[in-house]
N, C-alpha and C. Protein backbone atom coordinates (compact mmCIF):
# COMPACT_ATOMS: atom_id res chain seq x y z
N UNK A 1 94.12 -17.01 -140.73
CA UNK A 1 93.86 -16.70 -142.13
C UNK A 1 94.76 -17.57 -143.02
N UNK A 2 94.23 -17.92 -144.16
CA UNK A 2 94.93 -18.76 -145.11
C UNK A 2 95.17 -17.99 -146.39
N UNK A 3 96.43 -17.65 -146.61
CA UNK A 3 96.77 -16.90 -147.81
C UNK A 3 95.81 -15.73 -148.02
N UNK A 4 95.54 -15.02 -146.94
CA UNK A 4 94.68 -13.84 -147.01
C UNK A 4 93.19 -14.13 -146.92
N UNK A 5 92.79 -15.40 -146.84
CA UNK A 5 91.38 -15.75 -146.77
C UNK A 5 91.10 -16.36 -145.40
N UNK A 6 90.13 -15.80 -144.67
CA UNK A 6 89.81 -16.34 -143.34
C UNK A 6 89.39 -17.81 -143.41
N UNK A 7 89.65 -18.52 -142.34
CA UNK A 7 89.38 -19.96 -142.22
C UNK A 7 87.95 -20.30 -142.61
N UNK A 8 86.98 -19.61 -142.05
CA UNK A 8 85.56 -19.91 -142.33
C UNK A 8 85.22 -19.67 -143.80
N UNK A 9 85.82 -18.67 -144.40
CA UNK A 9 85.58 -18.40 -145.82
C UNK A 9 86.15 -19.54 -146.67
N UNK A 10 87.30 -20.07 -146.30
CA UNK A 10 87.89 -21.19 -147.03
C UNK A 10 86.97 -22.41 -146.92
N UNK A 11 86.43 -22.66 -145.75
CA UNK A 11 85.49 -23.77 -145.59
C UNK A 11 84.25 -23.56 -146.45
N UNK A 12 83.76 -22.33 -146.53
CA UNK A 12 82.60 -22.03 -147.37
C UNK A 12 82.91 -22.32 -148.83
N UNK A 13 84.11 -21.96 -149.28
CA UNK A 13 84.51 -22.23 -150.67
C UNK A 13 84.53 -23.74 -150.93
N UNK A 14 85.02 -24.50 -149.98
CA UNK A 14 85.06 -25.96 -150.12
C UNK A 14 83.65 -26.51 -150.25
N UNK A 15 82.75 -26.06 -149.40
CA UNK A 15 81.37 -26.55 -149.44
C UNK A 15 80.71 -26.17 -150.77
N UNK A 16 80.90 -24.95 -151.22
CA UNK A 16 80.29 -24.52 -152.48
C UNK A 16 80.83 -25.31 -153.66
N UNK A 17 82.11 -25.59 -153.67
CA UNK A 17 82.71 -26.38 -154.74
C UNK A 17 82.18 -27.81 -154.70
N UNK A 18 82.07 -28.38 -153.51
CA UNK A 18 81.52 -29.74 -153.38
C UNK A 18 80.08 -29.78 -153.88
N UNK A 19 79.30 -28.78 -153.56
CA UNK A 19 77.91 -28.71 -154.04
C UNK A 19 77.86 -28.60 -155.56
N UNK A 20 78.75 -27.80 -156.13
CA UNK A 20 78.79 -27.65 -157.59
C UNK A 20 79.14 -28.97 -158.26
N UNK A 21 80.02 -29.72 -157.66
CA UNK A 21 80.38 -31.03 -158.20
C UNK A 21 79.19 -31.99 -158.10
N UNK A 22 78.53 -32.01 -156.97
CA UNK A 22 77.35 -32.87 -156.79
C UNK A 22 76.29 -32.55 -157.84
N UNK A 23 76.06 -31.27 -158.07
CA UNK A 23 75.03 -30.81 -159.00
C UNK A 23 75.44 -30.91 -160.47
N UNK A 24 76.69 -31.27 -160.71
CA UNK A 24 77.16 -31.38 -162.09
C UNK A 24 77.52 -30.05 -162.74
N UNK A 25 77.70 -29.01 -161.93
CA UNK A 25 78.07 -27.71 -162.49
C UNK A 25 79.56 -27.59 -162.75
N UNK A 26 80.32 -28.57 -162.26
CA UNK A 26 81.77 -28.60 -162.50
C UNK A 26 82.15 -30.05 -162.77
N UNK A 27 83.13 -30.23 -163.62
CA UNK A 27 83.61 -31.56 -163.97
C UNK A 27 84.11 -32.26 -162.70
N UNK A 28 83.75 -33.53 -162.54
CA UNK A 28 84.06 -34.26 -161.31
C UNK A 28 85.55 -34.34 -161.02
N UNK A 29 86.36 -34.58 -162.04
CA UNK A 29 87.80 -34.69 -161.80
C UNK A 29 88.40 -33.32 -161.51
N UNK A 30 88.05 -32.35 -162.34
CA UNK A 30 88.58 -31.00 -162.13
C UNK A 30 88.15 -30.45 -160.77
N UNK A 31 86.90 -30.66 -160.40
CA UNK A 31 86.43 -30.21 -159.10
C UNK A 31 87.13 -30.91 -157.95
N UNK A 32 87.38 -32.21 -158.12
CA UNK A 32 88.09 -32.97 -157.08
C UNK A 32 89.51 -32.46 -156.91
N UNK A 33 90.18 -32.15 -158.01
CA UNK A 33 91.53 -31.62 -157.93
C UNK A 33 91.54 -30.27 -157.24
N UNK A 34 90.55 -29.44 -157.53
CA UNK A 34 90.46 -28.13 -156.86
C UNK A 34 90.16 -28.31 -155.37
N UNK A 35 89.27 -29.27 -155.04
CA UNK A 35 88.98 -29.53 -153.63
C UNK A 35 90.24 -29.99 -152.90
N UNK A 36 91.04 -30.81 -153.55
CA UNK A 36 92.29 -31.26 -152.94
C UNK A 36 93.15 -30.06 -152.57
N UNK A 37 93.28 -29.11 -153.48
CA UNK A 37 94.08 -27.92 -153.21
C UNK A 37 93.51 -27.06 -152.10
N UNK A 38 92.20 -26.89 -152.09
CA UNK A 38 91.57 -26.09 -151.04
C UNK A 38 91.73 -26.74 -149.67
N UNK A 39 91.55 -28.05 -149.59
CA UNK A 39 91.76 -28.73 -148.31
C UNK A 39 93.21 -28.60 -147.85
N UNK A 40 94.13 -28.67 -148.81
CA UNK A 40 95.55 -28.50 -148.46
C UNK A 40 95.79 -27.12 -147.86
N UNK A 41 95.20 -26.10 -148.47
CA UNK A 41 95.34 -24.74 -147.95
C UNK A 41 94.67 -24.60 -146.58
N UNK A 42 93.54 -25.28 -146.39
CA UNK A 42 92.83 -25.21 -145.11
C UNK A 42 93.69 -25.79 -143.99
N UNK A 43 94.36 -26.89 -144.27
CA UNK A 43 95.29 -27.52 -143.33
C UNK A 43 94.69 -27.67 -141.94
N UNK A 44 93.47 -28.21 -141.90
CA UNK A 44 92.77 -28.43 -140.63
C UNK A 44 92.82 -29.92 -140.29
N UNK A 45 93.48 -30.30 -139.20
CA UNK A 45 93.54 -31.72 -138.84
C UNK A 45 92.17 -32.39 -138.74
N UNK A 46 91.16 -31.63 -138.38
CA UNK A 46 89.81 -32.18 -138.27
C UNK A 46 89.23 -32.56 -139.63
N UNK A 47 89.82 -32.06 -140.71
CA UNK A 47 89.31 -32.32 -142.06
C UNK A 47 90.14 -33.34 -142.83
N UNK A 48 91.10 -33.95 -142.20
CA UNK A 48 92.00 -34.86 -142.93
C UNK A 48 91.26 -36.02 -143.57
N UNK A 49 90.30 -36.60 -142.88
CA UNK A 49 89.55 -37.72 -143.47
C UNK A 49 88.72 -37.27 -144.67
N UNK A 50 88.21 -36.05 -144.61
CA UNK A 50 87.46 -35.51 -145.75
C UNK A 50 88.39 -35.25 -146.93
N UNK A 51 89.62 -34.89 -146.66
CA UNK A 51 90.62 -34.54 -147.68
C UNK A 51 91.14 -35.77 -148.43
N UNK A 52 91.25 -36.90 -147.74
CA UNK A 52 91.91 -38.09 -148.31
C UNK A 52 91.36 -38.54 -149.66
N UNK A 53 90.04 -38.63 -149.87
CA UNK A 53 89.58 -39.09 -151.19
C UNK A 53 90.04 -38.17 -152.32
N UNK A 54 90.13 -36.88 -152.04
CA UNK A 54 90.50 -35.92 -153.07
C UNK A 54 92.00 -35.95 -153.35
N UNK A 55 92.78 -36.31 -152.36
CA UNK A 55 94.21 -36.54 -152.58
C UNK A 55 94.38 -37.70 -153.55
N UNK A 56 93.63 -38.77 -153.31
CA UNK A 56 93.73 -39.95 -154.18
C UNK A 56 93.29 -39.62 -155.60
N UNK A 57 92.19 -38.92 -155.75
CA UNK A 57 91.68 -38.57 -157.08
C UNK A 57 92.69 -37.69 -157.81
N UNK A 58 93.22 -36.69 -157.13
CA UNK A 58 94.21 -35.81 -157.76
C UNK A 58 95.43 -36.60 -158.21
N UNK A 59 95.87 -37.52 -157.38
CA UNK A 59 97.04 -38.33 -157.72
C UNK A 59 96.76 -39.24 -158.91
N UNK A 60 95.58 -39.81 -158.95
CA UNK A 60 95.23 -40.74 -160.02
C UNK A 60 94.94 -40.06 -161.35
N UNK A 61 94.66 -38.76 -161.31
CA UNK A 61 94.21 -38.07 -162.53
C UNK A 61 95.06 -36.88 -162.94
N UNK A 62 96.18 -36.66 -162.26
CA UNK A 62 96.96 -35.45 -162.54
C UNK A 62 97.57 -35.41 -163.94
N UNK A 63 97.57 -36.53 -164.63
CA UNK A 63 98.13 -36.58 -165.99
C UNK A 63 97.08 -36.30 -167.07
N UNK A 64 95.83 -36.19 -166.68
CA UNK A 64 94.75 -36.01 -167.65
C UNK A 64 94.55 -34.54 -167.99
N UNK A 65 94.39 -34.23 -169.27
CA UNK A 65 94.20 -32.83 -169.67
C UNK A 65 92.76 -32.38 -169.39
N UNK A 66 92.64 -31.34 -168.59
CA UNK A 66 91.33 -30.79 -168.24
C UNK A 66 91.34 -29.30 -168.48
N UNK A 67 90.17 -28.74 -168.65
CA UNK A 67 90.02 -27.30 -168.77
C UNK A 67 90.86 -26.70 -169.88
N UNK A 68 91.50 -25.61 -169.58
CA UNK A 68 92.27 -24.85 -170.57
C UNK A 68 93.45 -25.63 -171.13
N UNK A 69 93.95 -26.62 -170.42
CA UNK A 69 95.11 -27.39 -170.88
C UNK A 69 94.80 -28.26 -172.08
N UNK A 70 93.53 -28.54 -172.30
CA UNK A 70 93.15 -29.35 -173.45
C UNK A 70 93.54 -28.68 -174.76
N UNK A 71 93.57 -27.37 -174.76
CA UNK A 71 93.93 -26.62 -175.97
C UNK A 71 95.37 -26.83 -176.41
N UNK A 72 96.19 -27.36 -175.54
CA UNK A 72 97.60 -27.60 -175.86
C UNK A 72 97.87 -29.03 -176.30
N UNK A 73 96.82 -29.83 -176.39
CA UNK A 73 97.00 -31.26 -176.66
C UNK A 73 96.61 -31.63 -178.09
N UNK A 74 97.29 -32.63 -178.61
CA UNK A 74 97.00 -33.16 -179.94
C UNK A 74 95.66 -33.89 -179.91
N UNK A 75 94.92 -33.87 -181.01
CA UNK A 75 93.62 -34.53 -181.06
C UNK A 75 93.68 -36.02 -180.69
N UNK A 76 94.67 -36.74 -181.14
CA UNK A 76 94.77 -38.16 -180.84
C UNK A 76 94.97 -38.38 -179.33
N UNK A 77 95.80 -37.55 -178.72
CA UNK A 77 96.01 -37.65 -177.28
C UNK A 77 94.70 -37.37 -176.54
N UNK A 78 93.96 -36.37 -177.00
CA UNK A 78 92.69 -36.04 -176.34
C UNK A 78 91.69 -37.19 -176.45
N UNK A 79 91.66 -37.86 -177.59
CA UNK A 79 90.75 -39.01 -177.74
C UNK A 79 91.09 -40.10 -176.71
N UNK A 80 92.36 -40.37 -176.57
CA UNK A 80 92.79 -41.39 -175.60
C UNK A 80 92.50 -40.92 -174.17
N UNK A 81 92.80 -39.67 -173.89
CA UNK A 81 92.56 -39.13 -172.55
C UNK A 81 91.07 -39.11 -172.23
N UNK A 82 90.25 -38.73 -173.20
CA UNK A 82 88.81 -38.70 -172.98
C UNK A 82 88.27 -40.09 -172.67
N UNK A 83 88.81 -41.08 -173.35
CA UNK A 83 88.41 -42.46 -173.07
C UNK A 83 88.79 -42.85 -171.65
N UNK A 84 90.00 -42.47 -171.23
CA UNK A 84 90.45 -42.77 -169.87
C UNK A 84 89.60 -42.03 -168.83
N UNK A 85 89.26 -40.78 -169.12
CA UNK A 85 88.42 -40.00 -168.21
C UNK A 85 87.05 -40.66 -168.08
N UNK A 86 86.49 -41.06 -169.20
CA UNK A 86 85.17 -41.71 -169.18
C UNK A 86 85.20 -43.00 -168.35
N UNK A 87 86.22 -43.81 -168.55
CA UNK A 87 86.37 -45.05 -167.79
C UNK A 87 86.55 -44.77 -166.30
N UNK A 88 87.38 -43.79 -165.99
CA UNK A 88 87.63 -43.44 -164.59
C UNK A 88 86.33 -43.01 -163.90
N UNK A 89 85.58 -42.13 -164.56
CA UNK A 89 84.35 -41.64 -163.96
C UNK A 89 83.28 -42.72 -163.87
N UNK A 90 83.28 -43.67 -164.78
CA UNK A 90 82.32 -44.77 -164.70
C UNK A 90 82.54 -45.57 -163.43
N UNK A 91 83.80 -45.71 -163.05
CA UNK A 91 84.14 -46.48 -161.85
C UNK A 91 84.09 -45.61 -160.60
N UNK A 92 84.70 -44.45 -160.65
CA UNK A 92 84.88 -43.62 -159.45
C UNK A 92 83.84 -42.51 -159.26
N UNK A 93 83.08 -42.21 -160.30
CA UNK A 93 82.13 -41.10 -160.23
C UNK A 93 81.22 -41.13 -159.01
N UNK A 94 80.55 -42.28 -158.76
CA UNK A 94 79.66 -42.32 -157.59
C UNK A 94 80.39 -42.07 -156.26
N UNK A 95 81.61 -42.58 -156.13
CA UNK A 95 82.34 -42.37 -154.87
C UNK A 95 82.81 -40.92 -154.75
N UNK A 96 83.06 -40.26 -155.87
CA UNK A 96 83.43 -38.84 -155.84
C UNK A 96 82.25 -38.02 -155.32
N UNK A 97 81.07 -38.30 -155.85
CA UNK A 97 79.87 -37.58 -155.41
C UNK A 97 79.61 -37.85 -153.92
N UNK A 98 79.77 -39.08 -153.51
CA UNK A 98 79.57 -39.42 -152.10
C UNK A 98 80.57 -38.70 -151.19
N UNK A 99 81.82 -38.60 -151.63
CA UNK A 99 82.83 -37.87 -150.86
C UNK A 99 82.42 -36.40 -150.74
N UNK A 100 81.87 -35.85 -151.80
CA UNK A 100 81.42 -34.46 -151.76
C UNK A 100 80.23 -34.30 -150.81
N UNK A 101 79.35 -35.27 -150.80
CA UNK A 101 78.22 -35.20 -149.86
C UNK A 101 78.71 -35.22 -148.42
N UNK A 102 79.73 -36.02 -148.14
CA UNK A 102 80.30 -36.05 -146.79
C UNK A 102 80.89 -34.68 -146.44
N UNK A 103 81.53 -34.04 -147.40
CA UNK A 103 82.11 -32.71 -147.18
C UNK A 103 81.01 -31.72 -146.83
N UNK A 104 79.95 -31.71 -147.61
CA UNK A 104 78.85 -30.77 -147.36
C UNK A 104 78.23 -31.03 -145.99
N UNK A 105 77.99 -32.28 -145.67
CA UNK A 105 77.39 -32.62 -144.37
C UNK A 105 78.28 -32.18 -143.21
N UNK A 106 79.58 -32.40 -143.36
CA UNK A 106 80.51 -32.09 -142.27
C UNK A 106 80.79 -30.60 -142.11
N UNK A 107 80.83 -29.87 -143.22
CA UNK A 107 81.33 -28.49 -143.15
C UNK A 107 80.27 -27.41 -143.31
N UNK A 108 79.11 -27.74 -143.88
CA UNK A 108 78.08 -26.72 -144.07
C UNK A 108 77.51 -26.34 -142.71
N UNK A 109 77.33 -25.05 -142.52
CA UNK A 109 76.78 -24.63 -141.22
C UNK A 109 75.45 -23.95 -141.38
């Protein structure tokens, strides 16, 4: 069990989050950061290759204001951050979706 959640349930959460990201129901960067955390909690050596892209995304984007944190930011900072987010997703968006597809293929049962 992982922090009170059984292993298979944690894998199900990862798959559902990856599907939500693929379908556009969750922001690609925010979803990737959450996937990184879930994979870390899963701590399954068999999933390390699936985890790696999300580690990179989280590292590259941890300074960007997302979700509720945007409410604490000045408008000028948000304009600059939004521009950076847009540029990042223009370059990395397709590879994020592809990484999520690999997750679903590998972990969905």
